[in-house]
N, C-alpha and C. Protein backbone atom coordinates (compact mmCIF):
# COMPACT_ATOMS: atom_id res chain seq x y z
N MET A 1 0.80 -1.19 0.00
CA MET A 1 0.00 0.00 0.00
C MET A 1 0.85 1.27 0.00
N ALA A 2 1.98 1.21 0.64
CA ALA A 2 2.87 2.36 0.67
C ALA A 2 3.39 2.68 -0.72
N THR A 3 3.60 1.62 -1.53
CA THR A 3 4.09 1.81 -2.88
C THR A 3 3.04 2.49 -3.72
N ASN A 4 1.80 2.10 -3.54
CA ASN A 4 0.70 2.70 -4.28
C ASN A 4 0.57 4.18 -3.96
N SER A 5 0.74 4.53 -2.72
CA SER A 5 0.66 5.93 -2.29
C SER A 5 1.78 6.75 -2.92
N ASN A 6 2.99 6.18 -3.00
CA ASN A 6 4.12 6.87 -3.63
C ASN A 6 3.87 7.06 -5.11
N ASP A 7 3.32 6.02 -5.75
CA ASP A 7 3.00 6.12 -7.17
C ASP A 7 1.98 7.21 -7.43
N ASP A 8 1.00 7.33 -6.53
CA ASP A 8 -0.02 8.37 -6.67
C ASP A 8 0.60 9.76 -6.55
N GLU A 9 1.54 9.91 -5.63
CA GLU A 9 2.20 11.21 -5.42
C GLU A 9 3.05 11.57 -6.63
N VAL A 10 3.75 10.59 -7.18
CA VAL A 10 4.60 10.83 -8.35
C VAL A 10 3.74 11.21 -9.54
N ASN A 11 2.63 10.47 -9.72
CA ASN A 11 1.72 10.78 -10.83
C ASN A 11 1.09 12.14 -10.66
N LEU A 12 0.70 12.46 -9.42
CA LEU A 12 0.09 13.76 -9.13
C LEU A 12 1.10 14.88 -9.44
N PHE A 13 2.35 14.69 -9.03
CA PHE A 13 3.40 15.70 -9.29
C PHE A 13 3.65 15.83 -10.79
N ALA A 14 3.77 14.70 -11.48
CA ALA A 14 4.02 14.71 -12.92
C ALA A 14 2.89 15.42 -13.65
N ASP A 15 1.66 15.22 -13.21
CA ASP A 15 0.51 15.88 -13.82
C ASP A 15 0.56 17.40 -13.56
N ALA A 16 1.02 17.77 -12.37
CA ALA A 16 1.07 19.19 -12.01
C ALA A 16 2.13 19.95 -12.81
N VAL A 17 3.21 19.29 -13.18
CA VAL A 17 4.30 19.99 -13.86
C VAL A 17 4.43 19.64 -15.33
N LYS A 18 3.40 19.01 -15.88
CA LYS A 18 3.51 18.55 -17.26
C LYS A 18 3.65 19.68 -18.28
N ASN A 19 3.10 20.86 -18.04
CA ASN A 19 3.19 21.98 -18.99
C ASN A 19 4.31 22.98 -18.65
N VAL A 20 5.13 22.63 -17.69
CA VAL A 20 6.20 23.53 -17.26
C VAL A 20 7.37 23.44 -18.22
N ARG A 21 7.91 24.63 -18.58
CA ARG A 21 9.09 24.69 -19.43
C ARG A 21 10.21 25.36 -18.64
N PRO A 22 11.43 24.98 -18.86
CA PRO A 22 12.55 25.61 -18.15
C PRO A 22 12.64 27.10 -18.53
N LEU A 23 13.04 27.92 -17.57
CA LEU A 23 13.24 29.34 -17.82
C LEU A 23 14.46 29.54 -18.71
N GLN A 24 14.37 30.55 -19.56
CA GLN A 24 15.52 30.90 -20.39
C GLN A 24 16.55 31.60 -19.49
N HIS A 25 17.76 31.18 -19.55
CA HIS A 25 18.80 31.78 -18.72
C HIS A 25 19.40 32.97 -19.45
N ASP A 26 19.19 34.16 -18.91
CA ASP A 26 19.72 35.38 -19.51
C ASP A 26 21.00 35.76 -18.77
N ARG A 27 22.12 35.58 -19.41
CA ARG A 27 23.41 35.85 -18.75
C ARG A 27 23.56 37.31 -18.34
N ALA A 28 23.07 38.22 -19.14
CA ALA A 28 23.21 39.64 -18.83
C ALA A 28 22.48 40.01 -17.55
N VAL A 29 21.30 39.44 -17.35
CA VAL A 29 20.51 39.75 -16.17
C VAL A 29 21.10 39.10 -14.93
N HIS A 30 21.61 37.88 -15.09
CA HIS A 30 22.06 37.12 -13.94
C HIS A 30 23.55 37.25 -13.64
N SER A 31 24.28 37.96 -14.50
CA SER A 31 25.70 38.08 -14.22
C SER A 31 25.90 39.01 -13.04
N VAL A 32 26.73 38.61 -12.14
CA VAL A 32 27.01 39.39 -10.94
C VAL A 32 28.24 40.24 -11.22
N LYS A 33 28.06 41.52 -11.06
CA LYS A 33 29.19 42.43 -11.28
C LYS A 33 30.04 42.44 -10.03
N LYS A 34 31.32 42.21 -10.23
CA LYS A 34 32.23 42.21 -9.10
C LYS A 34 32.54 43.65 -8.72
N PRO A 35 32.60 43.92 -7.41
CA PRO A 35 32.96 45.29 -7.01
C PRO A 35 34.41 45.58 -7.37
N LYS A 36 34.68 46.84 -7.62
CA LYS A 36 36.05 47.22 -7.93
C LYS A 36 36.91 46.99 -6.69
N PRO A 37 38.11 46.52 -6.88
CA PRO A 37 38.97 46.28 -5.72
C PRO A 37 39.37 47.60 -5.06
N ILE A 38 39.51 47.54 -3.77
CA ILE A 38 39.94 48.72 -3.02
C ILE A 38 41.47 48.69 -2.97
N PRO A 39 42.12 49.71 -3.49
CA PRO A 39 43.58 49.70 -3.54
C PRO A 39 44.19 50.04 -2.17
N GLN A 40 44.20 49.07 -1.28
CA GLN A 40 44.65 49.30 0.09
C GLN A 40 46.07 49.84 0.15
N GLN A 41 46.98 49.25 -0.61
CA GLN A 41 48.37 49.70 -0.56
C GLN A 41 48.49 51.13 -1.09
N PHE A 42 47.75 51.44 -2.15
CA PHE A 42 47.76 52.80 -2.69
C PHE A 42 47.28 53.80 -1.63
N ILE A 43 46.22 53.44 -0.93
CA ILE A 43 45.69 54.31 0.12
C ILE A 43 46.73 54.51 1.22
N ARG A 44 47.38 53.42 1.63
CA ARG A 44 48.42 53.54 2.66
C ARG A 44 49.58 54.41 2.17
N ASP A 45 49.96 54.23 0.90
CA ASP A 45 51.05 55.03 0.34
C ASP A 45 50.70 56.51 0.29
N GLU A 46 49.45 56.80 -0.10
CA GLU A 46 49.00 58.20 -0.14
C GLU A 46 49.02 58.83 1.25
N GLN A 47 48.56 58.09 2.25
CA GLN A 47 48.56 58.61 3.61
C GLN A 47 49.98 58.84 4.11
N GLN A 48 50.87 57.92 3.77
CA GLN A 48 52.26 58.09 4.19
C GLN A 48 52.89 59.29 3.49
N ALA A 49 52.58 59.47 2.20
CA ALA A 49 53.11 60.63 1.47
C ALA A 49 52.60 61.93 2.08
N LEU A 50 51.32 61.93 2.47
CA LEU A 50 50.77 63.12 3.14
C LEU A 50 51.50 63.39 4.44
N ALA A 51 51.66 62.35 5.23
CA ALA A 51 52.33 62.51 6.53
C ALA A 51 53.77 62.97 6.33
N ASP A 52 54.45 62.41 5.33
CA ASP A 52 55.84 62.77 5.07
C ASP A 52 55.98 64.17 4.47
N SER A 53 54.89 64.71 3.94
CA SER A 53 54.97 66.04 3.32
C SER A 53 55.15 67.13 4.37
N LEU A 54 54.90 66.82 5.61
CA LEU A 54 55.09 67.78 6.69
C LEU A 54 56.14 67.23 7.65
N SER A 55 57.21 67.94 7.81
CA SER A 55 58.30 67.50 8.67
C SER A 55 58.26 68.21 10.02
N ASP A 56 58.64 67.48 11.05
CA ASP A 56 58.77 68.10 12.38
C ASP A 56 60.11 68.81 12.53
N HIS A 57 60.98 68.64 11.54
CA HIS A 57 62.33 69.18 11.65
C HIS A 57 62.57 70.35 10.70
N PHE A 58 61.50 70.94 10.21
CA PHE A 58 61.59 72.08 9.31
C PHE A 58 62.02 73.31 10.10
N ILE A 59 63.02 74.02 9.60
CA ILE A 59 63.47 75.24 10.26
C ILE A 59 63.23 76.39 9.29
N PRO A 60 62.26 77.26 9.59
CA PRO A 60 61.94 78.36 8.67
C PRO A 60 63.08 79.37 8.59
N ALA A 61 63.26 79.91 7.41
CA ALA A 61 64.28 80.94 7.22
C ALA A 61 63.92 82.19 8.02
N HIS A 62 62.61 82.47 8.06
CA HIS A 62 62.14 83.63 8.82
C HIS A 62 60.64 83.51 9.02
N ASP A 63 60.16 84.15 10.01
CA ASP A 63 58.72 84.26 10.21
C ASP A 63 58.45 85.51 11.02
N LEU A 64 57.19 85.81 11.20
CA LEU A 64 56.81 87.06 11.87
C LEU A 64 56.43 86.85 13.33
N GLU A 65 56.73 85.70 13.89
CA GLU A 65 56.23 85.40 15.22
C GLU A 65 56.89 86.27 16.28
N THR A 66 56.06 86.61 17.23
CA THR A 66 56.53 87.38 18.37
C THR A 66 56.12 86.60 19.60
N GLY A 67 57.09 86.04 20.30
CA GLY A 67 56.77 85.28 21.50
C GLY A 67 56.00 84.02 21.15
N GLU A 68 54.86 83.85 21.80
CA GLU A 68 54.06 82.65 21.63
C GLU A 68 52.99 82.79 20.55
N GLU A 69 52.78 84.00 20.03
CA GLU A 69 51.71 84.21 19.05
C GLU A 69 52.08 83.64 17.70
N LEU A 70 51.13 82.90 17.10
CA LEU A 70 51.35 82.36 15.77
C LEU A 70 51.03 83.43 14.74
N LEU A 71 52.00 83.71 13.88
CA LEU A 71 51.82 84.73 12.86
C LEU A 71 52.81 84.45 11.74
N TYR A 72 52.31 84.40 10.50
CA TYR A 72 53.17 84.08 9.37
C TYR A 72 52.60 84.68 8.11
N LEU A 73 53.48 85.15 7.23
CA LEU A 73 53.09 85.65 5.91
C LEU A 73 54.14 85.19 4.90
N ARG A 74 53.70 84.49 3.87
CA ARG A 74 54.59 84.02 2.82
C ARG A 74 55.07 85.24 2.01
N ASP A 75 56.32 85.20 1.58
CA ASP A 75 56.89 86.29 0.77
C ASP A 75 56.02 86.56 -0.45
N GLY A 76 55.94 87.84 -0.82
CA GLY A 76 55.25 88.23 -2.04
C GLY A 76 53.77 88.53 -1.85
N HIS A 77 53.30 88.57 -0.61
CA HIS A 77 51.89 88.86 -0.35
C HIS A 77 51.76 90.15 0.47
N ALA A 78 50.58 90.74 0.40
CA ALA A 78 50.32 92.02 1.06
C ALA A 78 50.61 91.94 2.56
N PRO A 79 51.33 92.91 3.10
CA PRO A 79 51.71 92.87 4.51
C PRO A 79 50.54 93.02 5.49
N ASP A 80 49.38 93.45 5.00
CA ASP A 80 48.24 93.62 5.91
C ASP A 80 47.43 92.33 6.10
N ILE A 81 47.79 91.27 5.39
CA ILE A 81 47.02 90.02 5.47
C ILE A 81 46.98 89.45 6.90
N PRO A 82 48.11 89.35 7.61
CA PRO A 82 48.02 88.79 8.97
C PRO A 82 47.10 89.58 9.90
N SER A 83 47.14 90.90 9.81
CA SER A 83 46.25 91.69 10.68
C SER A 83 44.79 91.51 10.28
N LYS A 84 44.53 91.36 8.97
CA LYS A 84 43.16 91.07 8.53
C LYS A 84 42.70 89.72 9.04
N LEU A 85 43.58 88.75 9.02
CA LEU A 85 43.25 87.42 9.56
C LEU A 85 42.91 87.53 11.04
N ARG A 86 43.73 88.25 11.79
CA ARG A 86 43.49 88.40 13.23
C ARG A 86 42.17 89.09 13.53
N ARG A 87 41.76 90.01 12.68
CA ARG A 87 40.50 90.75 12.89
C ARG A 87 39.28 90.00 12.37
N GLY A 88 39.47 88.87 11.70
CA GLY A 88 38.33 88.11 11.19
C GLY A 88 37.79 88.64 9.88
N HIS A 89 38.66 89.19 9.05
CA HIS A 89 38.26 89.76 7.76
C HIS A 89 37.64 88.72 6.83
N TRP A 90 38.17 87.49 6.84
CA TRP A 90 37.65 86.41 6.00
C TRP A 90 36.76 85.49 6.82
N VAL A 91 35.76 84.93 6.18
CA VAL A 91 34.86 83.98 6.83
C VAL A 91 35.56 82.62 6.88
N VAL A 92 35.56 82.01 8.05
CA VAL A 92 36.15 80.67 8.20
C VAL A 92 35.21 79.67 7.53
N GLN A 93 35.72 78.95 6.55
CA GLN A 93 34.90 78.03 5.75
C GLN A 93 34.96 76.59 6.22
N ALA A 94 35.99 76.23 6.99
CA ALA A 94 36.11 74.86 7.51
C ALA A 94 37.04 74.91 8.72
N ALA A 95 36.91 73.91 9.58
CA ALA A 95 37.75 73.88 10.78
C ALA A 95 38.00 72.43 11.19
N ILE A 96 39.14 72.23 11.84
CA ILE A 96 39.44 70.94 12.46
C ILE A 96 39.95 71.20 13.87
N ASP A 97 39.86 70.18 14.70
CA ASP A 97 40.30 70.26 16.08
C ASP A 97 41.30 69.13 16.33
N LEU A 98 42.48 69.48 16.80
CA LEU A 98 43.54 68.50 17.00
C LEU A 98 43.60 67.99 18.44
N HIS A 99 42.68 68.43 19.29
CA HIS A 99 42.68 67.97 20.68
C HIS A 99 42.67 66.45 20.75
N GLY A 100 43.50 65.90 21.61
CA GLY A 100 43.52 64.46 21.83
C GLY A 100 44.37 63.68 20.85
N LEU A 101 44.94 64.34 19.86
CA LEU A 101 45.76 63.64 18.87
C LEU A 101 47.24 63.73 19.27
N VAL A 102 47.97 62.66 19.01
CA VAL A 102 49.42 62.73 19.18
C VAL A 102 50.00 63.36 17.92
N SER A 103 51.26 63.71 17.97
CA SER A 103 51.90 64.47 16.90
C SER A 103 51.73 63.82 15.52
N ASP A 104 52.01 62.52 15.40
CA ASP A 104 51.91 61.86 14.09
C ASP A 104 50.48 61.87 13.55
N GLU A 105 49.52 61.65 14.43
CA GLU A 105 48.11 61.68 14.01
C GLU A 105 47.73 63.09 13.57
N ALA A 106 48.16 64.08 14.33
CA ALA A 106 47.84 65.47 14.02
C ALA A 106 48.45 65.89 12.69
N ARG A 107 49.69 65.48 12.44
CA ARG A 107 50.38 65.84 11.19
C ARG A 107 49.61 65.30 9.98
N LEU A 108 49.19 64.03 10.05
CA LEU A 108 48.43 63.42 8.96
C LEU A 108 47.08 64.10 8.80
N TYR A 109 46.43 64.40 9.92
CA TYR A 109 45.12 65.05 9.90
C TYR A 109 45.21 66.43 9.26
N VAL A 110 46.23 67.18 9.61
CA VAL A 110 46.42 68.53 9.04
C VAL A 110 46.70 68.43 7.55
N ALA A 111 47.59 67.52 7.15
CA ALA A 111 47.92 67.36 5.73
C ALA A 111 46.69 66.97 4.92
N THR A 112 45.91 66.03 5.45
CA THR A 112 44.69 65.59 4.76
C THR A 112 43.69 66.73 4.68
N PHE A 113 43.54 67.46 5.77
CA PHE A 113 42.60 68.60 5.82
C PHE A 113 42.98 69.66 4.79
N LEU A 114 44.26 70.01 4.74
CA LEU A 114 44.70 71.04 3.78
C LEU A 114 44.51 70.57 2.34
N ASN A 115 44.79 69.30 2.07
CA ASN A 115 44.55 68.78 0.71
C ASN A 115 43.07 68.85 0.35
N ASP A 116 42.22 68.49 1.29
CA ASP A 116 40.78 68.54 1.05
C ASP A 116 40.32 69.97 0.81
N CYS A 117 40.83 70.91 1.60
CA CYS A 117 40.47 72.32 1.43
C CYS A 117 40.91 72.83 0.06
N LYS A 118 42.09 72.41 -0.36
CA LYS A 118 42.63 72.81 -1.67
C LYS A 118 41.71 72.31 -2.79
N LYS A 119 41.31 71.03 -2.70
CA LYS A 119 40.42 70.45 -3.70
C LYS A 119 39.07 71.15 -3.74
N ARG A 120 38.59 71.57 -2.59
CA ARG A 120 37.27 72.20 -2.50
C ARG A 120 37.32 73.71 -2.76
N GLY A 121 38.52 74.26 -2.91
CA GLY A 121 38.66 75.68 -3.20
C GLY A 121 38.39 76.58 -2.01
N LEU A 122 38.61 76.07 -0.79
CA LEU A 122 38.39 76.88 0.41
C LEU A 122 39.56 77.83 0.62
N ARG A 123 39.27 79.00 1.12
CA ARG A 123 40.31 80.03 1.29
C ARG A 123 40.72 80.26 2.73
N CYS A 124 39.76 80.21 3.65
CA CYS A 124 40.06 80.55 5.04
C CYS A 124 39.58 79.41 5.95
N VAL A 125 40.50 78.88 6.75
CA VAL A 125 40.17 77.76 7.63
C VAL A 125 40.73 78.00 9.03
N ARG A 126 40.17 77.26 9.99
CA ARG A 126 40.64 77.36 11.37
C ARG A 126 41.16 75.99 11.80
N ILE A 127 42.30 76.00 12.47
CA ILE A 127 42.84 74.77 13.04
C ILE A 127 43.00 74.99 14.54
N VAL A 128 42.26 74.23 15.30
CA VAL A 128 42.34 74.31 16.76
C VAL A 128 43.42 73.33 17.21
N HIS A 129 44.48 73.87 17.82
CA HIS A 129 45.60 73.03 18.25
C HIS A 129 45.63 72.86 19.75
N GLY A 130 44.90 73.68 20.46
CA GLY A 130 44.88 73.60 21.92
C GLY A 130 45.98 74.46 22.53
N LYS A 131 45.89 74.62 23.83
CA LYS A 131 46.85 75.46 24.55
C LYS A 131 47.91 74.64 25.26
N GLY A 132 47.81 73.33 25.15
CA GLY A 132 48.82 72.47 25.75
C GLY A 132 48.61 72.19 27.22
N LEU A 133 47.47 72.54 27.75
CA LEU A 133 47.23 72.37 29.19
C LEU A 133 47.19 70.90 29.60
N GLY A 134 46.87 70.01 28.64
CA GLY A 134 46.80 68.59 28.96
C GLY A 134 48.06 67.83 28.61
N SER A 135 49.07 68.51 28.10
CA SER A 135 50.29 67.82 27.69
C SER A 135 51.35 67.88 28.79
N ARG A 136 52.39 67.07 28.59
CA ARG A 136 53.49 67.07 29.55
C ARG A 136 54.08 68.46 29.65
N ASN A 137 54.44 68.86 30.82
CA ASN A 137 55.00 70.20 31.11
C ASN A 137 54.05 71.33 30.74
N ARG A 138 52.80 70.97 30.44
CA ARG A 138 51.77 71.95 30.11
C ARG A 138 52.22 72.92 29.01
N GLU A 139 52.95 72.38 28.03
CA GLU A 139 53.43 73.18 26.90
C GLU A 139 52.65 72.80 25.65
N PRO A 140 52.38 73.78 24.79
CA PRO A 140 51.61 73.53 23.56
C PRO A 140 52.46 72.87 22.47
N VAL A 141 52.61 71.56 22.54
CA VAL A 141 53.44 70.82 21.59
C VAL A 141 52.92 70.98 20.16
N LEU A 142 51.62 70.75 19.97
CA LEU A 142 51.05 70.83 18.62
C LEU A 142 51.09 72.24 18.06
N LYS A 143 50.98 73.23 18.91
CA LYS A 143 51.02 74.63 18.45
C LYS A 143 52.34 74.90 17.72
N HIS A 144 53.44 74.47 18.31
CA HIS A 144 54.75 74.74 17.72
C HIS A 144 54.97 73.89 16.45
N LYS A 145 54.50 72.67 16.48
CA LYS A 145 54.65 71.82 15.30
C LYS A 145 53.76 72.32 14.16
N LEU A 146 52.55 72.75 14.49
CA LEU A 146 51.63 73.25 13.48
C LEU A 146 52.24 74.44 12.73
N ARG A 147 52.90 75.31 13.45
CA ARG A 147 53.57 76.47 12.84
C ARG A 147 54.50 76.00 11.73
N SER A 148 55.31 75.01 12.03
CA SER A 148 56.26 74.49 11.06
C SER A 148 55.55 73.79 9.90
N TRP A 149 54.55 72.99 10.22
CA TRP A 149 53.83 72.25 9.18
C TRP A 149 53.18 73.21 8.17
N LEU A 150 52.57 74.27 8.68
CA LEU A 150 51.87 75.21 7.79
C LEU A 150 52.84 75.95 6.87
N MET A 151 54.01 76.29 7.39
CA MET A 151 54.99 76.99 6.56
C MET A 151 55.48 76.13 5.40
N GLN A 152 55.41 74.81 5.55
CA GLN A 152 55.90 73.89 4.52
C GLN A 152 54.91 73.71 3.38
N ARG A 153 53.70 74.17 3.55
CA ARG A 153 52.66 73.96 2.53
C ARG A 153 52.57 75.17 1.61
N ASP A 154 52.73 74.93 0.30
CA ASP A 154 52.68 76.01 -0.69
C ASP A 154 51.36 76.75 -0.70
N GLU A 155 50.27 76.04 -0.43
CA GLU A 155 48.96 76.69 -0.50
C GLU A 155 48.69 77.64 0.67
N VAL A 156 49.54 77.62 1.70
CA VAL A 156 49.36 78.51 2.85
C VAL A 156 49.99 79.86 2.54
N ILE A 157 49.14 80.88 2.47
CA ILE A 157 49.62 82.25 2.24
C ILE A 157 50.04 82.88 3.56
N ALA A 158 49.18 82.71 4.57
CA ALA A 158 49.43 83.34 5.86
C ALA A 158 48.64 82.62 6.94
N TYR A 159 49.05 82.85 8.18
CA TYR A 159 48.23 82.40 9.31
C TYR A 159 48.45 83.35 10.48
N ALA A 160 47.46 83.37 11.34
CA ALA A 160 47.52 84.23 12.52
C ALA A 160 46.73 83.58 13.65
N GLU A 161 47.09 83.92 14.85
CA GLU A 161 46.35 83.44 16.01
C GLU A 161 44.89 83.87 15.89
N ALA A 162 44.01 82.98 16.26
CA ALA A 162 42.58 83.25 16.15
C ALA A 162 42.12 84.32 17.13
N ARG A 163 41.00 84.96 16.80
CA ARG A 163 40.39 85.89 17.74
C ARG A 163 39.94 85.11 18.97
N ARG A 164 39.74 85.81 20.05
CA ARG A 164 39.35 85.17 21.31
C ARG A 164 38.14 84.25 21.13
N GLN A 165 37.10 84.76 20.43
CA GLN A 165 35.87 83.97 20.26
C GLN A 165 36.06 82.77 19.32
N ASP A 166 37.17 82.75 18.57
CA ASP A 166 37.45 81.66 17.64
C ASP A 166 38.48 80.67 18.19
N GLY A 167 38.91 80.86 19.43
CA GLY A 167 39.86 79.93 20.04
C GLY A 167 41.10 80.59 20.60
N GLY A 168 41.29 81.87 20.29
CA GLY A 168 42.43 82.61 20.84
C GLY A 168 43.76 81.92 20.59
N SER A 169 44.57 81.83 21.65
CA SER A 169 45.90 81.26 21.50
C SER A 169 45.88 79.74 21.34
N GLY A 170 44.69 79.14 21.35
CA GLY A 170 44.57 77.71 21.14
C GLY A 170 44.15 77.35 19.72
N ALA A 171 44.13 78.35 18.82
CA ALA A 171 43.71 78.10 17.44
C ALA A 171 44.42 79.06 16.50
N VAL A 172 44.44 78.69 15.24
CA VAL A 172 45.06 79.53 14.23
C VAL A 172 44.11 79.62 13.03
N ILE A 173 44.06 80.82 12.43
CA ILE A 173 43.28 81.05 11.23
C ILE A 173 44.27 81.04 10.06
N VAL A 174 43.96 80.26 9.04
CA VAL A 174 44.89 80.06 7.92
C VAL A 174 44.25 80.56 6.63
N LEU A 175 44.99 81.35 5.86
CA LEU A 175 44.54 81.81 4.55
C LEU A 175 45.24 80.99 3.49
N LEU A 176 44.45 80.37 2.62
CA LEU A 176 44.98 79.50 1.57
C LEU A 176 44.89 80.16 0.21
N LYS A 177 45.73 79.73 -0.72
CA LYS A 177 45.67 80.24 -2.09
C LYS A 177 44.34 79.87 -2.72
N ALA A 178 43.90 80.72 -3.65
CA ALA A 178 42.65 80.46 -4.35
C ALA A 178 42.81 79.33 -5.33
């Protein structure tokens, strides 16, 4: 009796699928497009090149700094630019904050930020470096390194200590080439 039941099921199934035809396989519809590979080594190389583009051992030929205040003007530009920067003449279009970063992280972050600003055509940016209150000997390590890093970048025309409401001695306003 079990055999008869199986035969009935097979016949029932065969009857149910007797008019079925196989689907046409369309390769174009069913082909899976592979994602483009992510060039990991290229990305690492680019980041290293950015980091290496700013040296901690750069010694400027000259600058306009007086004491602890950050102030710089690249040769060939109007002498009133630093004072205009200090007074907030230009609108700050982008900003980054380096608080909590160690020197190597900050250097890469600054280099990446400046490259991004250059690509986007930004002219005036703020970089908050902090006052060094949380660092060893309570000295502004990043402030001094940032000064050197900015002087090494061709797109930096000038920089000046930020106004009090923009971060004061813990930030710098940077004017970039158009």
